[in-house]
Amino acid sequence: MAYIHEKPGWPEFTWDGESLAGPLATVRHKQGRLLGKMEALVFDLRAEASLAVLTSDVVKSSAIEGEKLNPDEVRSSIARRLGLDVAGLPKAGRDVEGVVEMMLDGTRHFEKPLTKKRLFDWHASLFPTGRSGMNRITVGAWRKKEAGAMQVVSGPVGRENVHFEAPEADRLEAEMSRFIKWFNAPPAMDPVLKAGIAHFWFVTIHPFEDG
């Protein structure tokens, strides 16, 4: 079976613009209403709303990867970085600080170009000990060939079912260079659509050993 990154034309994505027009318009409408409500808030309430949203984003994003972060520690770390009151909140651990640092850099400095170094720095922030659980992994660099194939697998040991296998390690430099160039180019499509394509493309390449 050929995976999507092995097929002719990769990564020339296509989509049904007519089917997506309605949902994208709905998203844009809701974004506009949300921005309008935020603009109407006084500074303190706006800061509190931003803190709540960022805290939720960090906690839920980490949960997708199986990491359960303490919401109070996340809130404490974000509040401190935003210059907000942290009274009564616990001191954040190193793992929380790393995730928060990455998230804030990505959301508050979204206008900065995406670079290989920036991706490596984000990855290093996620794994400050150089380990994922009990396993030592390559941090702040593309995954190595020695780590083996990057696969999505289910089933018991000995009867595994491989659902997907990412590009081999020796393709990563070229694949990520192409992705970064596309990402930094002026948008030729709806930004929400571009975000979806970027997510799918990045996850398909899966350039890191973990994270």
N, C-alpha and C. Protein backbone atom coordinates (compact mmCIF):
# COMPACT_ATOMS: atom_id res chain seq x y z
N MET A 1 0.84 -1.20 0.00
CA MET A 1 0.00 0.00 0.00
C MET A 1 0.88 1.25 0.00
N ALA A 2 0.58 2.17 -0.90
CA ALA A 2 1.33 3.42 -0.96
C ALA A 2 0.69 4.45 -0.05
N TYR A 3 1.49 5.04 0.82
CA TYR A 3 0.99 6.10 1.68
C TYR A 3 0.94 7.40 0.89
N ILE A 4 0.22 8.39 1.40
CA ILE A 4 -0.02 9.62 0.65
C ILE A 4 1.28 10.30 0.24
N HIS A 5 2.31 10.24 1.10
CA HIS A 5 3.57 10.91 0.77
C HIS A 5 4.40 10.13 -0.25
N GLU A 6 3.92 8.96 -0.63
CA GLU A 6 4.60 8.15 -1.64
C GLU A 6 3.91 8.23 -3.01
N LYS A 7 2.79 8.92 -3.05
CA LYS A 7 2.01 8.97 -4.28
C LYS A 7 2.48 10.09 -5.20
N PRO A 8 2.30 9.92 -6.51
CA PRO A 8 2.68 10.98 -7.46
C PRO A 8 1.93 12.28 -7.14
N GLY A 9 2.63 13.39 -7.24
CA GLY A 9 1.99 14.67 -6.98
C GLY A 9 2.11 15.17 -5.56
N TRP A 10 2.58 14.32 -4.65
CA TRP A 10 2.78 14.77 -3.27
C TRP A 10 3.78 15.93 -3.26
N PRO A 11 3.51 17.01 -2.53
CA PRO A 11 2.34 17.29 -1.70
C PRO A 11 1.41 18.33 -2.34
N GLU A 12 0.99 18.09 -3.55
CA GLU A 12 0.05 19.00 -4.21
C GLU A 12 -1.37 18.64 -3.76
N PHE A 13 -1.83 19.29 -2.70
CA PHE A 13 -3.14 18.97 -2.13
C PHE A 13 -4.27 19.57 -2.96
N THR A 14 -5.37 18.87 -2.98
CA THR A 14 -6.58 19.37 -3.64
C THR A 14 -7.74 19.27 -2.66
N TRP A 15 -8.76 20.09 -2.87
CA TRP A 15 -9.92 20.08 -1.99
C TRP A 15 -11.13 20.61 -2.74
N ASP A 16 -12.29 20.36 -2.18
CA ASP A 16 -13.55 20.80 -2.77
C ASP A 16 -13.89 22.17 -2.21
N GLY A 17 -13.52 23.21 -2.94
CA GLY A 17 -13.74 24.57 -2.47
C GLY A 17 -15.21 24.90 -2.24
N GLU A 18 -16.07 24.34 -3.08
CA GLU A 18 -17.51 24.62 -2.95
C GLU A 18 -18.05 24.06 -1.64
N SER A 19 -17.61 22.85 -1.29
CA SER A 19 -18.09 22.23 -0.05
C SER A 19 -17.55 22.95 1.19
N LEU A 20 -16.37 23.53 1.07
CA LEU A 20 -15.74 24.19 2.21
C LEU A 20 -16.17 25.65 2.37
N ALA A 21 -16.77 26.23 1.34
CA ALA A 21 -17.11 27.65 1.38
C ALA A 21 -18.04 27.98 2.54
N GLY A 22 -19.06 27.16 2.75
CA GLY A 22 -20.01 27.40 3.83
C GLY A 22 -19.38 27.32 5.21
N PRO A 23 -18.71 26.21 5.53
CA PRO A 23 -18.06 26.10 6.84
C PRO A 23 -17.03 27.20 7.10
N LEU A 24 -16.25 27.56 6.08
CA LEU A 24 -15.26 28.62 6.26
C LEU A 24 -15.93 29.96 6.53
N ALA A 25 -17.04 30.22 5.86
CA ALA A 25 -17.77 31.47 6.10
C ALA A 25 -18.31 31.51 7.53
N THR A 26 -18.77 30.36 8.02
CA THR A 26 -19.27 30.28 9.39
C THR A 26 -18.16 30.56 10.40
N VAL A 27 -16.99 29.98 10.14
CA VAL A 27 -15.84 30.22 11.02
C VAL A 27 -15.48 31.70 11.04
N ARG A 28 -15.44 32.31 9.86
CA ARG A 28 -15.10 33.73 9.76
C ARG A 28 -16.11 34.60 10.53
N HIS A 29 -17.39 34.25 10.41
CA HIS A 29 -18.43 35.00 11.11
C HIS A 29 -18.24 34.90 12.63
N LYS A 30 -17.97 33.69 13.10
CA LYS A 30 -17.78 33.50 14.54
C LYS A 30 -16.51 34.18 15.03
N GLN A 31 -15.47 34.16 14.20
CA GLN A 31 -14.24 34.86 14.57
C GLN A 31 -14.50 36.36 14.73
N GLY A 32 -15.26 36.91 13.80
CA GLY A 32 -15.57 38.33 13.86
C GLY A 32 -16.36 38.70 15.11
N ARG A 33 -17.34 37.86 15.44
CA ARG A 33 -18.14 38.12 16.64
C ARG A 33 -17.28 38.02 17.90
N LEU A 34 -16.40 37.04 17.93
CA LEU A 34 -15.53 36.87 19.10
C LEU A 34 -14.59 38.06 19.26
N LEU A 35 -13.99 38.50 18.15
CA LEU A 35 -13.09 39.65 18.22
C LEU A 35 -13.84 40.90 18.66
N GLY A 36 -15.06 41.04 18.18
CA GLY A 36 -15.87 42.19 18.59
C GLY A 36 -16.15 42.19 20.08
N LYS A 37 -16.47 41.02 20.62
CA LYS A 37 -16.73 40.92 22.06
C LYS A 37 -15.46 41.20 22.87
N MET A 38 -14.32 40.71 22.38
CA MET A 38 -13.06 40.94 23.09
C MET A 38 -12.72 42.43 23.11
N GLU A 39 -12.96 43.11 21.99
CA GLU A 39 -12.66 44.54 21.91
C GLU A 39 -13.52 45.35 22.88
N ALA A 40 -14.72 44.82 23.18
CA ALA A 40 -15.64 45.55 24.05
C ALA A 40 -15.29 45.39 25.53
N LEU A 41 -14.43 44.43 25.85
CA LEU A 41 -14.08 44.19 27.25
C LEU A 41 -13.06 45.21 27.74
N VAL A 42 -13.14 45.54 29.02
CA VAL A 42 -12.11 46.38 29.63
C VAL A 42 -10.84 45.55 29.73
N PHE A 43 -9.71 46.22 29.97
CA PHE A 43 -8.41 45.55 29.90
C PHE A 43 -8.34 44.34 30.82
N ASP A 44 -8.77 44.48 32.08
CA ASP A 44 -8.65 43.39 33.05
C ASP A 44 -9.43 42.16 32.60
N LEU A 45 -10.65 42.38 32.12
CA LEU A 45 -11.47 41.26 31.67
C LEU A 45 -10.90 40.63 30.41
N ARG A 46 -10.34 41.46 29.53
CA ARG A 46 -9.74 40.93 28.31
C ARG A 46 -8.52 40.07 28.64
N ALA A 47 -7.72 40.53 29.59
CA ALA A 47 -6.55 39.77 30.01
C ALA A 47 -6.96 38.44 30.64
N GLU A 48 -8.02 38.48 31.46
CA GLU A 48 -8.50 37.26 32.11
C GLU A 48 -9.03 36.28 31.08
N ALA A 49 -9.73 36.79 30.08
CA ALA A 49 -10.26 35.92 29.02
C ALA A 49 -9.13 35.28 28.23
N SER A 50 -8.11 36.06 27.91
CA SER A 50 -6.95 35.54 27.18
C SER A 50 -6.24 34.47 28.00
N LEU A 51 -6.11 34.72 29.30
CA LEU A 51 -5.46 33.76 30.19
C LEU A 51 -6.23 32.45 30.22
N ALA A 52 -7.55 32.53 30.30
CA ALA A 52 -8.38 31.32 30.36
C ALA A 52 -8.27 30.53 29.06
N VAL A 53 -8.30 31.23 27.92
CA VAL A 53 -8.23 30.55 26.63
C VAL A 53 -6.87 29.89 26.43
N LEU A 54 -5.80 30.61 26.74
CA LEU A 54 -4.46 30.05 26.58
C LEU A 54 -4.25 28.85 27.50
N THR A 55 -4.74 28.95 28.72
CA THR A 55 -4.62 27.83 29.66
C THR A 55 -5.32 26.60 29.11
N SER A 56 -6.53 26.79 28.62
CA SER A 56 -7.29 25.68 28.05
C SER A 56 -6.58 25.09 26.84
N ASP A 57 -6.04 25.94 25.98
CA ASP A 57 -5.33 25.47 24.78
C ASP A 57 -4.14 24.60 25.14
N VAL A 58 -3.35 25.06 26.11
CA VAL A 58 -2.15 24.31 26.51
C VAL A 58 -2.53 22.97 27.11
N VAL A 59 -3.50 22.97 28.01
CA VAL A 59 -3.90 21.73 28.69
C VAL A 59 -4.47 20.72 27.70
N LYS A 60 -5.36 21.19 26.81
CA LYS A 60 -6.01 20.27 25.87
C LYS A 60 -5.05 19.80 24.79
N SER A 61 -4.17 20.68 24.32
CA SER A 61 -3.20 20.28 23.31
C SER A 61 -2.26 19.21 23.85
N SER A 62 -1.85 19.37 25.10
CA SER A 62 -0.97 18.38 25.72
C SER A 62 -1.70 17.06 25.94
N ALA A 63 -2.99 17.14 26.26
CA ALA A 63 -3.76 15.92 26.50
C ALA A 63 -3.84 15.05 25.24
N ILE A 64 -3.84 15.70 24.07
CA ILE A 64 -3.87 14.95 22.81
C ILE A 64 -2.65 14.03 22.70
N GLU A 65 -1.52 14.50 23.24
CA GLU A 65 -0.28 13.72 23.21
C GLU A 65 -0.14 12.82 24.43
N GLY A 66 -1.20 12.75 25.24
CA GLY A 66 -1.16 11.88 26.41
C GLY A 66 -0.51 12.50 27.62
N GLU A 67 -0.24 13.81 27.57
CA GLU A 67 0.39 14.51 28.69
C GLU A 67 -0.68 15.23 29.50
N LYS A 68 -0.80 14.89 30.78
CA LYS A 68 -1.78 15.54 31.64
C LYS A 68 -1.08 16.61 32.49
N LEU A 69 -1.29 17.85 32.11
CA LEU A 69 -0.66 18.96 32.83
C LEU A 69 -1.61 19.50 33.89
N ASN A 70 -1.03 19.99 34.97
CA ASN A 70 -1.81 20.61 36.03
C ASN A 70 -2.31 21.97 35.54
N PRO A 71 -3.63 22.15 35.41
CA PRO A 71 -4.16 23.42 34.89
C PRO A 71 -3.73 24.64 35.71
N ASP A 72 -3.61 24.47 37.03
CA ASP A 72 -3.21 25.60 37.87
C ASP A 72 -1.75 25.99 37.60
N GLU A 73 -0.90 25.00 37.34
CA GLU A 73 0.49 25.30 37.02
C GLU A 73 0.58 25.99 35.66
N VAL A 74 -0.23 25.53 34.72
CA VAL A 74 -0.25 26.16 33.40
C VAL A 74 -0.71 27.60 33.52
N ARG A 75 -1.78 27.80 34.27
CA ARG A 75 -2.30 29.16 34.47
C ARG A 75 -1.26 30.05 35.14
N SER A 76 -0.55 29.50 36.11
CA SER A 76 0.48 30.25 36.82
C SER A 76 1.59 30.69 35.87
N SER A 77 2.05 29.77 35.03
CA SER A 77 3.13 30.07 34.10
C SER A 77 2.72 31.14 33.09
N ILE A 78 1.51 30.99 32.54
CA ILE A 78 1.04 31.96 31.55
C ILE A 78 0.83 33.32 32.19
N ALA A 79 0.20 33.34 33.36
CA ALA A 79 -0.07 34.61 34.04
C ALA A 79 1.23 35.36 34.33
N ARG A 80 2.23 34.63 34.79
CA ARG A 80 3.52 35.28 35.09
C ARG A 80 4.13 35.89 33.84
N ARG A 81 4.05 35.17 32.73
CA ARG A 81 4.63 35.67 31.48
C ARG A 81 3.85 36.84 30.90
N LEU A 82 2.55 36.91 31.24
CA LEU A 82 1.73 38.01 30.75
C LEU A 82 1.69 39.18 31.73
N GLY A 83 2.40 39.03 32.85
CA GLY A 83 2.44 40.11 33.84
C GLY A 83 1.18 40.21 34.66
N LEU A 84 0.47 39.08 34.82
CA LEU A 84 -0.78 39.08 35.58
C LEU A 84 -0.54 38.52 36.98
N ASP A 85 -1.51 38.71 37.85
CA ASP A 85 -1.40 38.28 39.24
C ASP A 85 -1.34 36.75 39.33
N VAL A 86 -0.35 36.24 40.06
CA VAL A 86 -0.20 34.79 40.23
C VAL A 86 -0.38 34.38 41.68
N ALA A 87 -0.91 35.27 42.49
CA ALA A 87 -1.10 34.97 43.92
C ALA A 87 -1.98 33.74 44.10
N GLY A 88 -1.51 32.82 44.94
CA GLY A 88 -2.28 31.62 45.24
C GLY A 88 -2.10 30.49 44.24
N LEU A 89 -1.39 30.75 43.15
CA LEU A 89 -1.18 29.71 42.15
C LEU A 89 0.15 28.99 42.40
N PRO A 90 0.22 27.69 42.13
CA PRO A 90 1.46 26.95 42.37
C PRO A 90 2.54 27.31 41.37
N LYS A 91 3.78 27.06 41.74
CA LYS A 91 4.90 27.28 40.83
C LYS A 91 4.87 26.19 39.76
N ALA A 92 5.02 26.60 38.53
CA ALA A 92 4.96 25.65 37.42
C ALA A 92 6.23 24.82 37.33
N GLY A 93 6.07 23.55 36.98
CA GLY A 93 7.21 22.67 36.79
C GLY A 93 7.90 22.94 35.45
N ARG A 94 9.05 22.33 35.27
CA ARG A 94 9.84 22.57 34.06
C ARG A 94 9.11 22.11 32.81
N ASP A 95 8.36 21.00 32.92
CA ASP A 95 7.64 20.50 31.76
C ASP A 95 6.54 21.48 31.33
N VAL A 96 5.86 22.05 32.32
CA VAL A 96 4.81 23.02 32.03
C VAL A 96 5.40 24.29 31.42
N GLU A 97 6.50 24.76 32.00
CA GLU A 97 7.13 25.99 31.50
C GLU A 97 7.52 25.84 30.03
N GLY A 98 8.01 24.67 29.66
CA GLY A 98 8.43 24.45 28.28
C GLY A 98 7.27 24.51 27.30
N VAL A 99 6.17 23.86 27.66
CA VAL A 99 4.99 23.86 26.79
C VAL A 99 4.43 25.28 26.65
N VAL A 100 4.36 25.98 27.78
CA VAL A 100 3.82 27.34 27.76
C VAL A 100 4.71 28.26 26.93
N GLU A 101 6.01 28.13 27.09
CA GLU A 101 6.94 28.96 26.32
C GLU A 101 6.74 28.76 24.82
N MET A 102 6.59 27.51 24.42
CA MET A 102 6.38 27.20 23.00
C MET A 102 5.05 27.78 22.52
N MET A 103 3.99 27.57 23.29
CA MET A 103 2.66 28.02 22.89
C MET A 103 2.60 29.54 22.76
N LEU A 104 3.18 30.25 23.72
CA LEU A 104 3.14 31.71 23.67
C LEU A 104 3.99 32.26 22.52
N ASP A 105 5.10 31.61 22.25
CA ASP A 105 5.92 32.08 21.13
C ASP A 105 5.15 31.91 19.82
N GLY A 106 4.46 30.78 19.69
CA GLY A 106 3.73 30.53 18.46
C GLY A 106 2.52 31.43 18.28
N THR A 107 1.82 31.75 19.38
CA THR A 107 0.59 32.53 19.28
C THR A 107 0.82 34.04 19.34
N ARG A 108 1.82 34.47 20.10
CA ARG A 108 2.06 35.91 20.25
C ARG A 108 3.01 36.45 19.19
N HIS A 109 3.75 35.57 18.55
CA HIS A 109 4.70 36.00 17.52
C HIS A 109 4.43 35.24 16.22
N PHE A 110 3.15 35.11 15.91
CA PHE A 110 2.75 34.35 14.73
C PHE A 110 3.23 34.99 13.43
N GLU A 111 3.56 36.29 13.49
CA GLU A 111 3.98 36.97 12.27
C GLU A 111 5.43 36.66 11.91
N LYS A 112 6.18 36.09 12.84
CA LYS A 112 7.57 35.76 12.56
C LYS A 112 7.65 34.57 11.60
N PRO A 113 8.65 34.54 10.74
CA PRO A 113 8.79 33.41 9.81
C PRO A 113 9.01 32.10 10.57
N LEU A 114 8.47 31.04 10.02
CA LEU A 114 8.75 29.72 10.55
C LEU A 114 10.10 29.27 10.01
N THR A 115 10.97 28.81 10.89
CA THR A 115 12.30 28.35 10.48
C THR A 115 12.59 27.00 11.12
N LYS A 116 13.60 26.35 10.59
CA LYS A 116 14.01 25.08 11.18
C LYS A 116 14.45 25.28 12.62
N LYS A 117 15.21 26.35 12.86
CA LYS A 117 15.68 26.63 14.22
C LYS A 117 14.51 26.85 15.17
N ARG A 118 13.50 27.56 14.71
CA ARG A 118 12.35 27.83 15.57
C ARG A 118 11.62 26.54 15.93
N LEU A 119 11.46 25.66 14.96
CA LEU A 119 10.84 24.36 15.23
C LEU A 119 11.69 23.55 16.21
N PHE A 120 13.00 23.59 16.02
CA PHE A 120 13.89 22.85 16.93
C PHE A 120 13.79 23.42 18.35
N ASP A 121 13.73 24.74 18.46
CA ASP A 121 13.61 25.36 19.79
C ASP A 121 12.31 24.97 20.46
N TRP A 122 11.22 24.96 19.70
CA TRP A 122 9.93 24.54 20.26
C TRP A 122 10.02 23.09 20.75
N HIS A 123 10.63 22.25 19.94
CA HIS A 123 10.73 20.84 20.31
C HIS A 123 11.56 20.67 21.58
N ALA A 124 12.66 21.41 21.67
CA ALA A 124 13.50 21.34 22.87
C ALA A 124 12.74 21.82 24.11
N SER A 125 11.85 22.79 23.92
CA SER A 125 11.05 23.28 25.04
C SER A 125 10.08 22.21 25.54
N LEU A 126 9.60 21.39 24.61
CA LEU A 126 8.65 20.33 24.99
C LEU A 126 9.31 19.20 25.75
N PHE A 127 10.60 18.97 25.48
CA PHE A 127 11.31 17.85 26.10
C PHE A 127 12.61 18.34 26.74
N PRO A 128 12.49 19.13 27.83
CA PRO A 128 13.69 19.73 28.44
C PRO A 128 14.67 18.72 29.00
N THR A 129 14.21 17.50 29.30
CA THR A 129 15.11 16.48 29.86
C THR A 129 15.72 15.60 28.77
N GLY A 130 15.27 15.78 27.53
CA GLY A 130 15.76 14.92 26.46
C GLY A 130 15.13 13.55 26.47
N ARG A 131 14.03 13.43 27.19
CA ARG A 131 13.36 12.13 27.29
C ARG A 131 11.86 12.28 27.05
N SER A 132 11.27 11.23 26.52
CA SER A 132 9.83 11.12 26.41
C SER A 132 9.44 9.94 27.29
N GLY A 133 8.88 10.26 28.46
CA GLY A 133 8.66 9.20 29.44
C GLY A 133 10.00 8.70 29.94
N MET A 134 10.23 7.39 29.82
CA MET A 134 11.50 6.80 30.25
C MET A 134 12.50 6.67 29.10
N ASN A 135 12.08 7.03 27.91
CA ASN A 135 12.92 6.82 26.74
C ASN A 135 13.67 8.08 26.33
N ARG A 136 14.96 7.93 26.09
CA ARG A 136 15.74 9.05 25.57
C ARG A 136 15.45 9.21 24.09
N ILE A 137 15.22 10.45 23.67
CA ILE A 137 14.89 10.72 22.27
C ILE A 137 15.78 11.83 21.72
N THR A 138 15.79 11.94 20.40
CA THR A 138 16.49 13.05 19.75
C THR A 138 15.65 14.30 19.92
N VAL A 139 16.25 15.33 20.52
CA VAL A 139 15.52 16.57 20.82
C VAL A 139 16.15 17.73 20.06
N GLY A 140 15.31 18.60 19.53
CA GLY A 140 15.80 19.77 18.82
C GLY A 140 16.47 19.43 17.51
N ALA A 141 16.02 18.36 16.87
CA ALA A 141 16.56 17.93 15.58
C ALA A 141 15.56 16.98 14.95
N TRP A 142 15.66 16.82 13.63
CA TRP A 142 14.78 15.85 12.97
C TRP A 142 15.09 14.46 13.50
N ARG A 143 14.11 13.59 13.48
CA ARG A 143 14.33 12.22 13.95
C ARG A 143 15.40 11.53 13.10
N LYS A 144 16.10 10.62 13.73
CA LYS A 144 17.22 9.93 13.09
C LYS A 144 16.78 8.56 12.55
N LYS A 145 17.52 8.09 11.57
CA LYS A 145 17.25 6.78 10.98
C LYS A 145 17.37 5.68 12.02
N GLU A 146 18.29 5.88 12.98
CA GLU A 146 18.53 4.87 14.00
C GLU A 146 17.32 4.63 14.89
N ALA A 147 16.41 5.61 14.95
CA ALA A 147 15.22 5.47 15.80
C ALA A 147 14.20 4.52 15.19
N GLY A 148 14.40 4.16 13.93
CA GLY A 148 13.47 3.25 13.27
C GLY A 148 12.34 3.99 12.58
N ALA A 149 11.46 3.23 11.96
CA ALA A 149 10.35 3.82 11.22
C ALA A 149 9.36 4.50 12.17
N MET A 150 8.82 5.63 11.72
CA MET A 150 7.78 6.33 12.49
C MET A 150 6.43 5.81 12.01
N GLN A 151 5.79 4.99 12.84
CA GLN A 151 4.57 4.31 12.43
C GLN A 151 3.42 4.58 13.38
N VAL A 152 2.21 4.50 12.84
CA VAL A 152 0.99 4.49 13.64
C VAL A 152 0.53 3.04 13.68
N VAL A 153 0.57 2.45 14.87
CA VAL A 153 0.36 1.01 15.01
C VAL A 153 -0.72 0.72 16.05
N SER A 154 -1.48 -0.33 15.82
CA SER A 154 -2.43 -0.82 16.81
C SER A 154 -2.29 -2.33 16.91
N GLY A 155 -2.88 -2.89 17.96
CA GLY A 155 -2.85 -4.34 18.13
C GLY A 155 -1.78 -4.79 19.10
N PRO A 156 -1.88 -6.03 19.58
CA PRO A 156 -0.92 -6.57 20.55
C PRO A 156 0.44 -6.85 19.92
N VAL A 157 1.45 -6.95 20.77
CA VAL A 157 2.81 -7.24 20.30
C VAL A 157 2.82 -8.57 19.56
N GLY A 158 3.41 -8.55 18.38
CA GLY A 158 3.47 -9.75 17.57
C GLY A 158 2.36 -9.81 16.53
N ARG A 159 1.32 -9.02 16.75
CA ARG A 159 0.21 -8.98 15.79
C ARG A 159 -0.16 -7.52 15.50
N GLU A 160 0.86 -6.69 15.39
CA GLU A 160 0.63 -5.27 15.16
C GLU A 160 0.03 -5.01 13.78
N ASN A 161 -0.79 -4.00 13.73
CA ASN A 161 -1.37 -3.55 12.47
C ASN A 161 -0.86 -2.14 12.19
N VAL A 162 -0.05 -1.99 11.15
CA VAL A 162 0.52 -0.69 10.81
C VAL A 162 -0.48 0.08 9.94
N HIS A 163 -0.98 1.18 10.48
CA HIS A 163 -1.96 2.00 9.75
C HIS A 163 -1.29 3.05 8.87
N PHE A 164 -0.12 3.49 9.29
CA PHE A 164 0.57 4.55 8.54
C PHE A 164 2.05 4.54 8.89
N GLU A 165 2.87 4.90 7.91
CA GLU A 165 4.30 5.05 8.14
C GLU A 165 4.75 6.36 7.51
N ALA A 166 5.38 7.20 8.31
CA ALA A 166 5.82 8.52 7.86
C ALA A 166 7.03 8.39 6.93
N PRO A 167 7.38 9.46 6.22
CA PRO A 167 8.56 9.42 5.35
C PRO A 167 9.82 9.02 6.12
N GLU A 168 10.72 8.34 5.44
CA GLU A 168 11.97 7.92 6.08
C GLU A 168 12.80 9.12 6.50
N ALA A 169 13.67 8.90 7.47
CA ALA A 169 14.45 9.99 8.05
C ALA A 169 15.31 10.72 7.02
N ASP A 170 15.82 10.00 6.03
CA ASP A 170 16.69 10.65 5.06
C ASP A 170 15.94 11.57 4.10
N ARG A 171 14.61 11.58 4.18
CA ARG A 171 13.81 12.50 3.36
C ARG A 171 13.42 13.77 4.11
N LEU A 172 13.66 13.80 5.41
CA LEU A 172 13.10 14.87 6.24
C LEU A 172 13.63 16.26 5.90
N GLU A 173 14.90 16.38 5.62
CA GLU A 173 15.46 17.70 5.33
C GLU A 173 14.77 18.32 4.12
N ALA A 174 14.63 17.55 3.06
CA ALA A 174 13.98 18.05 1.85
C ALA A 174 12.49 18.29 2.08
N GLU A 175 11.84 17.35 2.77
CA GLU A 175 10.40 17.48 3.01
C GLU A 175 10.10 18.72 3.86
N MET A 176 10.88 18.93 4.91
CA MET A 176 10.61 20.07 5.79
C MET A 176 11.01 21.39 5.15
N SER A 177 12.03 21.39 4.33
CA SER A 177 12.41 22.62 3.62
C SER A 177 11.27 23.06 2.71
N ARG A 178 10.66 22.09 2.03
CA ARG A 178 9.54 22.40 1.15
C ARG A 178 8.34 22.89 1.95
N PHE A 179 8.08 22.25 3.08
CA PHE A 179 6.96 22.65 3.93
C PHE A 179 7.16 24.07 4.46
N ILE A 180 8.34 24.37 4.97
CA ILE A 180 8.61 25.69 5.55
C ILE A 180 8.51 26.78 4.49
N LYS A 181 9.01 26.50 3.30
CA LYS A 181 8.92 27.48 2.21
C LYS A 181 7.47 27.78 1.89
N TRP A 182 6.64 26.73 1.80
CA TRP A 182 5.21 26.91 1.53
C TRP A 182 4.54 27.68 2.66
N PHE A 183 4.87 27.33 3.89
CA PHE A 183 4.23 27.95 5.05
C PHE A 183 4.51 29.45 5.10
N ASN A 184 5.72 29.85 4.77
CA ASN A 184 6.12 31.25 4.86
C ASN A 184 5.69 32.09 3.65
N ALA A 185 5.23 31.45 2.60
CA ALA A 185 4.81 32.18 1.41
C ALA A 185 3.53 32.96 1.70
N PRO A 186 3.32 34.10 1.03
CA PRO A 186 2.07 34.86 1.21
C PRO A 186 0.87 33.95 0.97
N PRO A 187 -0.14 34.04 1.84
CA PRO A 187 -1.29 33.13 1.71
C PRO A 187 -2.05 33.32 0.41
N ALA A 188 -2.26 32.22 -0.29
CA ALA A 188 -3.03 32.25 -1.53
C ALA A 188 -4.38 31.58 -1.32
N MET A 189 -4.74 31.40 -0.05
CA MET A 189 -6.00 30.73 0.29
C MET A 189 -6.47 31.26 1.64
N ASP A 190 -7.66 30.87 2.03
CA ASP A 190 -8.20 31.25 3.33
C ASP A 190 -7.24 30.77 4.43
N PRO A 191 -6.88 31.64 5.39
CA PRO A 191 -5.94 31.25 6.44
C PRO A 191 -6.38 30.04 7.25
N VAL A 192 -7.69 29.88 7.45
CA VAL A 192 -8.18 28.72 8.19
C VAL A 192 -7.91 27.44 7.40
N LEU A 193 -8.14 27.50 6.10
CA LEU A 193 -7.86 26.36 5.23
C LEU A 193 -6.36 26.07 5.23
N LYS A 194 -5.56 27.13 5.17
CA LYS A 194 -4.11 26.93 5.18
C LYS A 194 -3.66 26.28 6.48
N ALA A 195 -4.27 26.67 7.59
CA ALA A 195 -3.92 26.07 8.89
C ALA A 195 -4.23 24.58 8.88
N GLY A 196 -5.37 24.21 8.29
CA GLY A 196 -5.74 22.80 8.22
C GLY A 196 -4.77 22.00 7.37
N ILE A 197 -4.39 22.56 6.23
CA ILE A 197 -3.43 21.87 5.35
C ILE A 197 -2.08 21.76 6.03
N ALA A 198 -1.66 22.84 6.69
CA ALA A 198 -0.37 22.82 7.39
C ALA A 198 -0.34 21.74 8.46
N HIS A 199 -1.43 21.62 9.19
CA HIS A 199 -1.51 20.60 10.24
C HIS A 199 -1.40 19.20 9.64
N PHE A 200 -2.19 18.94 8.61
CA PHE A 200 -2.18 17.62 7.98
C PHE A 200 -0.81 17.31 7.38
N TRP A 201 -0.22 18.28 6.72
CA TRP A 201 1.07 18.10 6.06
C TRP A 201 2.16 17.80 7.09
N PHE A 202 2.19 18.60 8.16
CA PHE A 202 3.22 18.43 9.19
C PHE A 202 3.08 17.08 9.89
N VAL A 203 1.85 16.71 10.23
CA VAL A 203 1.63 15.43 10.91
C VAL A 203 2.00 14.26 9.99
N THR A 204 1.75 14.41 8.70
CA THR A 204 2.11 13.35 7.75
C THR A 204 3.62 13.15 7.71
N ILE A 205 4.37 14.24 7.67
CA ILE A 205 5.84 14.13 7.68
C ILE A 205 6.33 13.61 9.02
N HIS A 206 5.71 14.07 10.10
CA HIS A 206 6.09 13.70 11.47
C HIS A 206 7.61 13.76 11.64
N PRO A 207 8.17 14.98 11.58
CA PRO A 207 9.63 15.12 11.53
C PRO A 207 10.38 14.82 12.82
N PHE A 208 9.65 14.79 13.95
CA PHE A 208 10.32 14.56 15.22
C PHE A 208 10.05 13.15 15.75
N GLU A 209 10.96 12.70 16.58
CA GLU A 209 10.83 11.36 17.15
C GLU A 209 9.62 11.28 18.07
N ASP A 210 9.30 12.39 18.72
CA ASP A 210 8.10 12.49 19.55
C ASP A 210 7.71 13.95 19.60
N GLY A 211 6.43 14.21 19.87
CA GLY A 211 5.98 15.59 19.98
C GLY A 211 5.47 16.15 18.67
